Amino acid sequence: MKAQAVIHLNFSSEKQLKVVLEALKPETRSPPTRRSKVQMKREGNSLTLDFKASDTSALRAAINSYLRQTSLVVDILKSMAEGT
């Protein structure tokens, strides 16, 4: 793999992190393409995403996908907590 990136995300609670991990697991088990792969590592209330890709376009696409999914899950959890 030619391109790589590591992203650390901090969550406000362990529950939030667990839900995000469960939402992202299917993507890591069977990625939609062979051009990139991601490994997830949990550390306390933090999540480390280690991206490896065959080129920068694949890397960017994988990062965008994971960050969008993470943002969506966090937004849904916040909405549920607020009762909206």
PDB file of N, CA and C in Angstrom:
ATOM      1  N   MET A   1       0.842  -1.176   0.000  1.00  0.00           N
ATOM      2  CA  MET A   1       0.000   0.000   0.000  1.00  0.00           C
ATOM      3  C   MET A   1       0.894   1.247   0.000  1.00  0.00           C
ATOM      4  N   LYS A   2       0.548   2.190  -0.824  1.00  0.00           N
ATOM      5  CA  LYS A   2       1.389   3.365  -0.993  1.00  0.00           C
ATOM      6  C   LYS A   2       0.981   4.559  -0.132  1.00  0.00           C
ATOM      7  N   ALA A   3      -0.293   4.668   0.183  1.00  0.00           N
ATOM      8  CA  ALA A   3      -0.772   5.818   0.951  1.00  0.00           C
ATOM      9  C   ALA A   3      -1.315   5.335   2.293  1.00  0.00           C
ATOM     10  N   GLN A   4      -1.054   6.119   3.338  1.00  0.00           N
ATOM     11  CA  GLN A   4      -1.581   5.740   4.643  1.00  0.00           C
ATOM     12  C   GLN A   4      -1.835   6.962   5.502  1.00  0.00           C
ATOM     13  N   ALA A   5      -2.723   6.784   6.474  1.00  0.00           N
ATOM     14  CA  ALA A   5      -3.052   7.856   7.416  1.00  0.00           C
ATOM     15  C   ALA A   5      -3.549   7.219   8.703  1.00  0.00           C
ATOM     16  N   VAL A   6      -3.325   7.910   9.799  1.00  0.00           N
ATOM     17  CA  VAL A   6      -3.821   7.473  11.103  1.00  0.00           C
ATOM     18  C   VAL A   6      -4.629   8.623  11.686  1.00  0.00           C
ATOM     19  N   ILE A   7      -5.846   8.317  12.117  1.00  0.00           N
ATOM     20  CA  ILE A   7      -6.730   9.331  12.691  1.00  0.00           C
ATOM     21  C   ILE A   7      -7.153   8.868  14.074  1.00  0.00           C
ATOM     22  N   HIS A   8      -7.047   9.775  15.045  1.00  0.00           N
ATOM     23  CA  HIS A   8      -7.473   9.500  16.419  1.00  0.00           C
ATOM     24  C   HIS A   8      -8.742  10.307  16.687  1.00  0.00           C
ATOM     25  N   LEU A   9      -9.790   9.623  17.147  1.00  0.00           N
ATOM     26  CA  LEU A   9     -11.053  10.276  17.473  1.00  0.00           C
ATOM     27  C   LEU A   9     -11.348  10.081  18.953  1.00  0.00           C
ATOM     28  N   ASN A  10     -11.709  11.161  19.630  1.00  0.00           N
ATOM     29  CA  ASN A  10     -12.072  11.100  21.041  1.00  0.00           C
ATOM     30  C   ASN A  10     -13.585  11.213  21.173  1.00  0.00           C
ATOM     31  N   PHE A  11     -14.164  10.388  22.036  1.00  0.00           N
ATOM     32  CA  PHE A  11     -15.601  10.381  22.240  1.00  0.00           C
ATOM     33  C   PHE A  11     -15.928  10.817  23.659  1.00  0.00           C
ATOM     34  N   SER A  12     -17.125  11.359  23.817  1.00  0.00           N
ATOM     35  CA  SER A  12     -17.520  11.887  25.125  1.00  0.00           C
ATOM     36  C   SER A  12     -17.890  10.788  26.112  1.00  0.00           C
ATOM     37  N   SER A  13     -18.194   9.602  25.602  1.00  0.00           N
ATOM     38  CA  SER A  13     -18.549   8.503  26.505  1.00  0.00           C
ATOM     39  C   SER A  13     -18.168   7.156  25.897  1.00  0.00           C
ATOM     40  N   GLU A  14     -18.088   6.167  26.754  1.00  0.00           N
ATOM     41  CA  GLU A  14     -17.783   4.813  26.309  1.00  0.00           C
ATOM     42  C   GLU A  14     -18.928   4.270  25.459  1.00  0.00           C
ATOM     43  N   LYS A  15     -20.155   4.643  25.833  1.00  0.00           N
ATOM     44  CA  LYS A  15     -21.326   4.192  25.075  1.00  0.00           C
ATOM     45  C   LYS A  15     -21.260   4.699  23.636  1.00  0.00           C
ATOM     46  N   GLN A  16     -20.916   5.954  23.477  1.00  0.00           N
ATOM     47  CA  GLN A  16     -20.809   6.541  22.148  1.00  0.00           C
ATOM     48  C   GLN A  16     -19.770   5.792  21.313  1.00  0.00           C
ATOM     49  N   LEU A  17     -18.638   5.508  21.915  1.00  0.00           N
ATOM     50  CA  LEU A  17     -17.571   4.784  21.230  1.00  0.00           C
ATOM     51  C   LEU A  17     -18.023   3.384  20.834  1.00  0.00           C
ATOM     52  N   LYS A  18     -18.701   2.673  21.737  1.00  0.00           N
ATOM     53  CA  LYS A  18     -19.163   1.320  21.440  1.00  0.00           C
ATOM     54  C   LYS A  18     -20.122   1.300  20.257  1.00  0.00           C
ATOM     55  N   VAL A  19     -21.037   2.262  20.217  1.00  0.00           N
ATOM     56  CA  VAL A  19     -22.003   2.313  19.122  1.00  0.00           C
ATOM     57  C   VAL A  19     -21.298   2.604  17.796  1.00  0.00           C
ATOM     58  N   VAL A  20     -20.335   3.504  17.813  1.00  0.00           N
ATOM     59  CA  VAL A  20     -19.575   3.813  16.596  1.00  0.00           C
ATOM     60  C   VAL A  20     -18.802   2.581  16.130  1.00  0.00           C
ATOM     61  N   LEU A  21     -18.157   1.884  17.053  1.00  0.00           N
ATOM     62  CA  LEU A  21     -17.421   0.668  16.697  1.00  0.00           C
ATOM     63  C   LEU A  21     -18.331  -0.363  16.036  1.00  0.00           C
ATOM     64  N   GLU A  22     -19.497  -0.577  16.595  1.00  0.00           N
ATOM     65  CA  GLU A  22     -20.447  -1.544  16.034  1.00  0.00           C
ATOM     66  C   GLU A  22     -20.904  -1.110  14.644  1.00  0.00           C
ATOM     67  N   ALA A  23     -21.076   0.181  14.444  1.00  0.00           N
ATOM     68  CA  ALA A  23     -21.522   0.689  13.142  1.00  0.00           C
ATOM     69  C   ALA A  23     -20.433   0.533  12.077  1.00  0.00           C
ATOM     70  N   LEU A  24     -19.187   0.653  12.477  1.00  0.00           N
ATOM     71  CA  LEU A  24     -18.080   0.591  11.515  1.00  0.00           C
ATOM     72  C   LEU A  24     -17.567  -0.828  11.255  1.00  0.00           C
ATOM     73  N   LYS A  25     -17.850  -1.759  12.144  1.00  0.00           N
ATOM     74  CA  LYS A  25     -17.328  -3.130  12.004  1.00  0.00           C
ATOM     75  C   LYS A  25     -17.610  -3.768  10.648  1.00  0.00           C
ATOM     76  N   PRO A  26     -18.839  -3.689  10.124  1.00  0.00           N
ATOM     77  CA  PRO A  26     -19.089  -4.335   8.824  1.00  0.00           C
ATOM     78  C   PRO A  26     -18.181  -3.802   7.708  1.00  0.00           C
ATOM     79  N   GLU A  27     -17.862  -2.527   7.749  1.00  0.00           N
ATOM     80  CA  GLU A  27     -16.972  -1.947   6.735  1.00  0.00           C
ATOM     81  C   GLU A  27     -15.564  -2.523   6.818  1.00  0.00           C
ATOM     82  N   THR A  28     -15.079  -2.747   8.029  1.00  0.00           N
ATOM     83  CA  THR A  28     -13.717  -3.263   8.170  1.00  0.00           C
ATOM     84  C   THR A  28     -13.634  -4.749   7.839  1.00  0.00           C
ATOM     85  N   ARG A  29     -14.714  -5.472   8.081  1.00  0.00           N
ATOM     86  CA  ARG A  29     -14.715  -6.917   7.806  1.00  0.00           C
ATOM     87  C   ARG A  29     -14.795  -7.227   6.320  1.00  0.00           C
ATOM     88  N   SER A  30     -15.606  -6.464   5.602  1.00  0.00           N
ATOM     89  CA  SER A  30     -15.728  -6.692   4.154  1.00  0.00           C
ATOM     90  C   SER A  30     -15.754  -5.339   3.445  1.00  0.00           C
ATOM     91  N   PRO A  31     -14.576  -4.773   3.220  1.00  0.00           N
ATOM     92  CA  PRO A  31     -14.507  -3.459   2.577  1.00  0.00           C
ATOM     93  C   PRO A  31     -15.096  -3.497   1.164  1.00  0.00           C
ATOM     94  N   PRO A  32     -15.692  -2.378   0.732  1.00  0.00           N
ATOM     95  CA  PRO A  32     -16.316  -2.350  -0.593  1.00  0.00           C
ATOM     96  C   PRO A  32     -15.311  -2.453  -1.742  1.00  0.00           C
ATOM     97  N   THR A  33     -14.052  -2.205  -1.478  1.00  0.00           N
ATOM     98  CA  THR A  33     -13.015  -2.265  -2.510  1.00  0.00           C
ATOM     99  C   THR A  33     -11.724  -2.820  -1.923  1.00  0.00           C
ATOM    100  N   ARG A  34     -10.882  -3.343  -2.787  1.00  0.00           N
ATOM    101  CA  ARG A  34      -9.585  -3.867  -2.331  1.00  0.00           C
ATOM    102  C   ARG A  34      -8.515  -2.795  -2.346  1.00  0.00           C
ATOM    103  N   ARG A  35      -8.866  -1.596  -2.750  1.00  0.00           N
ATOM    104  CA  ARG A  35      -7.883  -0.521  -2.863  1.00  0.00           C
ATOM    105  C   ARG A  35      -7.495   0.067  -1.508  1.00  0.00           C
ATOM    106  N   SER A  36      -8.294  -0.220  -0.477  1.00  0.00           N
ATOM    107  CA  SER A  36      -7.962   0.326   0.845  1.00  0.00           C
ATOM    108  C   SER A  36      -8.408  -0.639   1.933  1.00  0.00           C
ATOM    109  N   LYS A  37      -7.763  -0.511   3.088  1.00  0.00           N
ATOM    110  CA  LYS A  37      -8.179  -1.261   4.268  1.00  0.00           C
ATOM    111  C   LYS A  37      -7.977  -0.390   5.496  1.00  0.00           C
ATOM    112  N   VAL A  38      -8.747  -0.711   6.521  1.00  0.00           N
ATOM    113  CA  VAL A  38      -8.728   0.077   7.753  1.00  0.00           C
ATOM    114  C   VAL A  38      -8.674  -0.863   8.942  1.00  0.00           C
ATOM    115  N   GLN A  39      -7.838  -0.507   9.898  1.00  0.00           N
ATOM    116  CA  GLN A  39      -7.805  -1.226  11.163  1.00  0.00           C
ATOM    117  C   GLN A  39      -8.245  -0.258  12.250  1.00  0.00           C
ATOM    118  N   MET A  40      -9.091  -0.754  13.150  1.00  0.00           N
ATOM    119  CA  MET A  40      -9.582   0.072  14.249  1.00  0.00           C
ATOM    120  C   MET A  40      -8.972  -0.422  15.549  1.00  0.00           C
ATOM    121  N   LYS A  41      -8.635   0.532  16.416  1.00  0.00           N
ATOM    122  CA  LYS A  41      -8.095   0.196  17.730  1.00  0.00           C
ATOM    123  C   LYS A  41      -8.735   1.114  18.762  1.00  0.00           C
ATOM    124  N   ARG A  42      -9.246   0.495  19.804  1.00  0.00           N
ATOM    125  CA  ARG A  42      -9.898   1.244  20.880  1.00  0.00           C
ATOM    126  C   ARG A  42      -8.909   1.463  22.012  1.00  0.00           C
ATOM    127  N   GLU A  43      -8.878   2.684  22.529  1.00  0.00           N
ATOM    128  CA  GLU A  43      -8.033   3.028  23.671  1.00  0.00           C
ATOM    129  C   GLU A  43      -8.828   3.959  24.581  1.00  0.00           C
ATOM    130  N   GLY A  44      -9.387   3.414  25.659  1.00  0.00           N
ATOM    131  CA  GLY A  44     -10.225   4.226  26.539  1.00  0.00           C
ATOM    132  C   GLY A  44     -11.451   4.703  25.787  1.00  0.00           C
ATOM    133  N   ASN A  45     -11.663   6.031  25.775  1.00  0.00           N
ATOM    134  CA  ASN A  45     -12.778   6.615  25.024  1.00  0.00           C
ATOM    135  C   ASN A  45     -12.315   7.138  23.672  1.00  0.00           C
ATOM    136  N   SER A  46     -11.206   6.604  23.174  1.00  0.00           N
ATOM    137  CA  SER A  46     -10.652   7.030  21.884  1.00  0.00           C
ATOM    138  C   SER A  46     -10.659   5.873  20.896  1.00  0.00           C
ATOM    139  N   LEU A  47     -10.758   6.242  19.638  1.00  0.00           N
ATOM    140  CA  LEU A  47     -10.717   5.276  18.556  1.00  0.00           C
ATOM    141  C   LEU A  47      -9.620   5.707  17.588  1.00  0.00           C
ATOM    142  N   THR A  48      -8.749   4.773  17.251  1.00  0.00           N
ATOM    143  CA  THR A  48      -7.708   5.035  16.270  1.00  0.00           C
ATOM    144  C   THR A  48      -8.054   4.282  14.996  1.00  0.00           C
ATOM    145  N   LEU A  49      -8.100   5.006  13.894  1.00  0.00           N
ATOM    146  CA  LEU A  49      -8.354   4.420  12.586  1.00  0.00           C
ATOM    147  C   LEU A  49      -7.050   4.476  11.799  1.00  0.00           C
ATOM    148  N   ASP A  50      -6.569   3.313  11.392  1.00  0.00           N
ATOM    149  CA  ASP A  50      -5.318   3.212  10.646  1.00  0.00           C
ATOM    150  C   ASP A  50      -5.667   2.826   9.204  1.00  0.00           C
ATOM    151  N   PHE A  51      -5.545   3.794   8.300  1.00  0.00           N
ATOM    152  CA  PHE A  51      -5.906   3.606   6.894  1.00  0.00           C
ATOM    153  C   PHE A  51      -4.675   3.271   6.069  1.00  0.00           C
ATOM    154  N   LYS A  52      -4.828   2.308   5.168  1.00  0.00           N
ATOM    155  CA  LYS A  52      -3.791   1.983   4.187  1.00  0.00           C
ATOM    156  C   LYS A  52      -4.498   1.852   2.844  1.00  0.00           C
ATOM    157  N   ALA A  53      -3.908   2.447   1.807  1.00  0.00           N
ATOM    158  CA  ALA A  53      -4.553   2.419   0.494  1.00  0.00           C
ATOM    159  C   ALA A  53      -3.514   2.345  -0.616  1.00  0.00           C
ATOM    160  N   SER A  54      -3.979   1.923  -1.770  1.00  0.00           N
ATOM    161  CA  SER A  54      -3.082   1.774  -2.915  1.00  0.00           C
ATOM    162  C   SER A  54      -2.712   3.113  -3.538  1.00  0.00           C
ATOM    163  N   ASP A  55      -3.543   4.146  -3.324  1.00  0.00           N
ATOM    164  CA  ASP A  55      -3.259   5.479  -3.862  1.00  0.00           C
ATOM    165  C   ASP A  55      -3.989   6.527  -3.025  1.00  0.00           C
ATOM    166  N   THR A  56      -3.671   7.778  -3.245  1.00  0.00           N
ATOM    167  CA  THR A  56      -4.247   8.848  -2.422  1.00  0.00           C
ATOM    168  C   THR A  56      -5.745   9.018  -2.648  1.00  0.00           C
ATOM    169  N   SER A  57      -6.230   8.738  -3.846  1.00  0.00           N
ATOM    170  CA  SER A  57      -7.677   8.840  -4.088  1.00  0.00           C
ATOM    171  C   SER A  57      -8.442   7.810  -3.271  1.00  0.00           C
ATOM    172  N   ALA A  58      -7.934   6.599  -3.220  1.00  0.00           N
ATOM    173  CA  ALA A  58      -8.569   5.546  -2.422  1.00  0.00           C
ATOM    174  C   ALA A  58      -8.479   5.871  -0.938  1.00  0.00           C
ATOM    175  N   LEU A  59      -7.360   6.444  -0.528  1.00  0.00           N
ATOM    176  CA  LEU A  59      -7.189   6.838   0.872  1.00  0.00           C
ATOM    177  C   LEU A  59      -8.210   7.904   1.262  1.00  0.00           C
ATOM    178  N   ARG A  60      -8.338   8.922   0.420  1.00  0.00           N
ATOM    179  CA  ARG A  60      -9.295  10.003   0.684  1.00  0.00           C
ATOM    180  C   ARG A  60     -10.717   9.465   0.748  1.00  0.00           C
ATOM    181  N   ALA A  61     -11.073   8.588  -0.172  1.00  0.00           N
ATOM    182  CA  ALA A  61     -12.420   8.021  -0.191  1.00  0.00           C
ATOM    183  C   ALA A  61     -12.700   7.216   1.077  1.00  0.00           C
ATOM    184  N   ALA A  62     -11.736   6.421   1.503  1.00  0.00           N
ATOM    185  CA  ALA A  62     -11.927   5.614   2.719  1.00  0.00           C
ATOM    186  C   ALA A  62     -12.065   6.498   3.950  1.00  0.00           C
ATOM    187  N   ILE A  63     -11.203   7.502   4.059  1.00  0.00           N
ATOM    188  CA  ILE A  63     -11.280   8.413   5.213  1.00  0.00           C
ATOM    189  C   ILE A  63     -12.622   9.124   5.234  1.00  0.00           C
ATOM    190  N   ASN A  64     -13.041   9.658   4.097  1.00  0.00           N
ATOM    191  CA  ASN A  64     -14.332  10.359   4.032  1.00  0.00           C
ATOM    192  C   ASN A  64     -15.484   9.452   4.425  1.00  0.00           C
ATOM    193  N   SER A  65     -15.460   8.222   3.960  1.00  0.00           N
ATOM    194  CA  SER A  65     -16.524   7.273   4.268  1.00  0.00           C
ATOM    195  C   SER A  65     -16.613   6.999   5.769  1.00  0.00           C
ATOM    196  N   TYR A  66     -15.484   6.701   6.382  1.00  0.00           N
ATOM    197  CA  TYR A  66     -15.473   6.386   7.819  1.00  0.00           C
ATOM    198  C   TYR A  66     -15.843   7.604   8.668  1.00  0.00           C
ATOM    199  N   LEU A  67     -15.343   8.764   8.301  1.00  0.00           N
ATOM    200  CA  LEU A  67     -15.660   9.964   9.079  1.00  0.00           C
ATOM    201  C   LEU A  67     -17.128  10.363   8.921  1.00  0.00           C
ATOM    202  N   ARG A  68     -17.691  10.204   7.729  1.00  0.00           N
ATOM    203  CA  ARG A  68     -19.113  10.495   7.526  1.00  0.00           C
ATOM    204  C   ARG A  68     -19.972   9.560   8.352  1.00  0.00           C
ATOM    205  N   GLN A  69     -19.654   8.272   8.330  1.00  0.00           N
ATOM    206  CA  GLN A  69     -20.428   7.306   9.115  1.00  0.00           C
ATOM    207  C   GLN A  69     -20.317   7.597  10.608  1.00  0.00           C
ATOM    208  N   THR A  70     -19.130   7.924  11.057  1.00  0.00           N
ATOM    209  CA  THR A  70     -18.917   8.243  12.468  1.00  0.00           C
ATOM    210  C   THR A  70     -19.723   9.477  12.854  1.00  0.00           C
ATOM    211  N   SER A  71     -19.672  10.492  12.038  1.00  0.00           N
ATOM    212  CA  SER A  71     -20.412  11.731  12.311  1.00  0.00           C
ATOM    213  C   SER A  71     -21.914  11.466  12.363  1.00  0.00           C
ATOM    214  N   LEU A  72     -22.401  10.657  11.453  1.00  0.00           N
ATOM    215  CA  LEU A  72     -23.826  10.328  11.430  1.00  0.00           C
ATOM    216  C   LEU A  72     -24.251   9.617  12.710  1.00  0.00           C
ATOM    217  N   VAL A  73     -23.475   8.646  13.148  1.00  0.00           N
ATOM    218  CA  VAL A  73     -23.801   7.903  14.370  1.00  0.00           C
ATOM    219  C   VAL A  73     -23.804   8.836  15.581  1.00  0.00           C
ATOM    220  N   VAL A  74     -22.796   9.684  15.689  1.00  0.00           N
ATOM    221  CA  VAL A  74     -22.715  10.618  16.818  1.00  0.00           C
ATOM    222  C   VAL A  74     -23.900  11.584  16.794  1.00  0.00           C
ATOM    223  N   ASP A  75     -24.253  12.096  15.622  1.00  0.00           N
ATOM    224  CA  ASP A  75     -25.404  13.003  15.510  1.00  0.00           C
ATOM    225  C   ASP A  75     -26.706  12.315  15.925  1.00  0.00           C
ATOM    226  N   ILE A  76     -26.884  11.070  15.529  1.00  0.00           N
ATOM    227  CA  ILE A  76     -28.090  10.319  15.910  1.00  0.00           C
ATOM    228  C   ILE A  76     -28.128  10.103  17.418  1.00  0.00           C
ATOM    229  N   LEU A  77     -26.998   9.742  18.008  1.00  0.00           N
ATOM    230  CA  LEU A  77     -26.960   9.553  19.470  1.00  0.00           C
ATOM    231  C   LEU A  77     -27.276  10.845  20.207  1.00  0.00           C
ATOM    232  N   LYS A  78     -26.759  11.967  19.726  1.00  0.00           N
ATOM    233  CA  LYS A  78     -27.055  13.257  20.350  1.00  0.00           C
ATOM    234  C   LYS A  78     -28.522  13.609  20.242  1.00  0.00           C
ATOM    235  N   SER A  79     -29.118  13.357  19.076  1.00  0.00           N
ATOM    236  CA  SER A  79     -30.540  13.629  18.876  1.00  0.00           C
ATOM    237  C   SER A  79     -31.403  12.778  19.799  1.00  0.00           C
ATOM    238  N   MET A  80     -30.997  11.511  19.958  1.00  0.00           N
ATOM    239  CA  MET A  80     -31.752  10.630  20.842  1.00  0.00           C
ATOM    240  C   MET A  80     -31.652  11.095  22.299  1.00  0.00           C
ATOM    241  N   ALA A  81     -30.472  11.577  22.685  1.00  0.00           N
ATOM    242  CA  ALA A  81     -30.280  12.041  24.067  1.00  0.00           C
ATOM    243  C   ALA A  81     -31.095  13.295  24.337  1.00  0.00           C
ATOM    244  N   GLU A  82     -31.253  14.130  23.311  1.00  0.00           N
ATOM    245  CA  GLU A  82     -32.020  15.370  23.454  1.00  0.00           C
ATOM    246  C   GLU A  82     -33.505  15.129  23.336  1.00  0.00           C
ATOM    247  N   GLY A  83     -33.896  13.932  22.861  1.00  0.00           N
ATOM    248  CA  GLY A  83     -35.296  13.606  22.720  1.00  0.00           C
ATOM    249  C   GLY A  83     -35.948  14.204  21.485  1.00  0.00           C
ATOM    250  N   THR A  84     -35.124  14.530  20.471  1.00  0.00           N
ATOM    251  CA  THR A  84     -35.702  15.108  19.246  1.00  0.00           C
ATOM    252  C   THR A  84     -35.763  14.094  18.146  1.00  0.00           C
TER     253      THR A  84
END
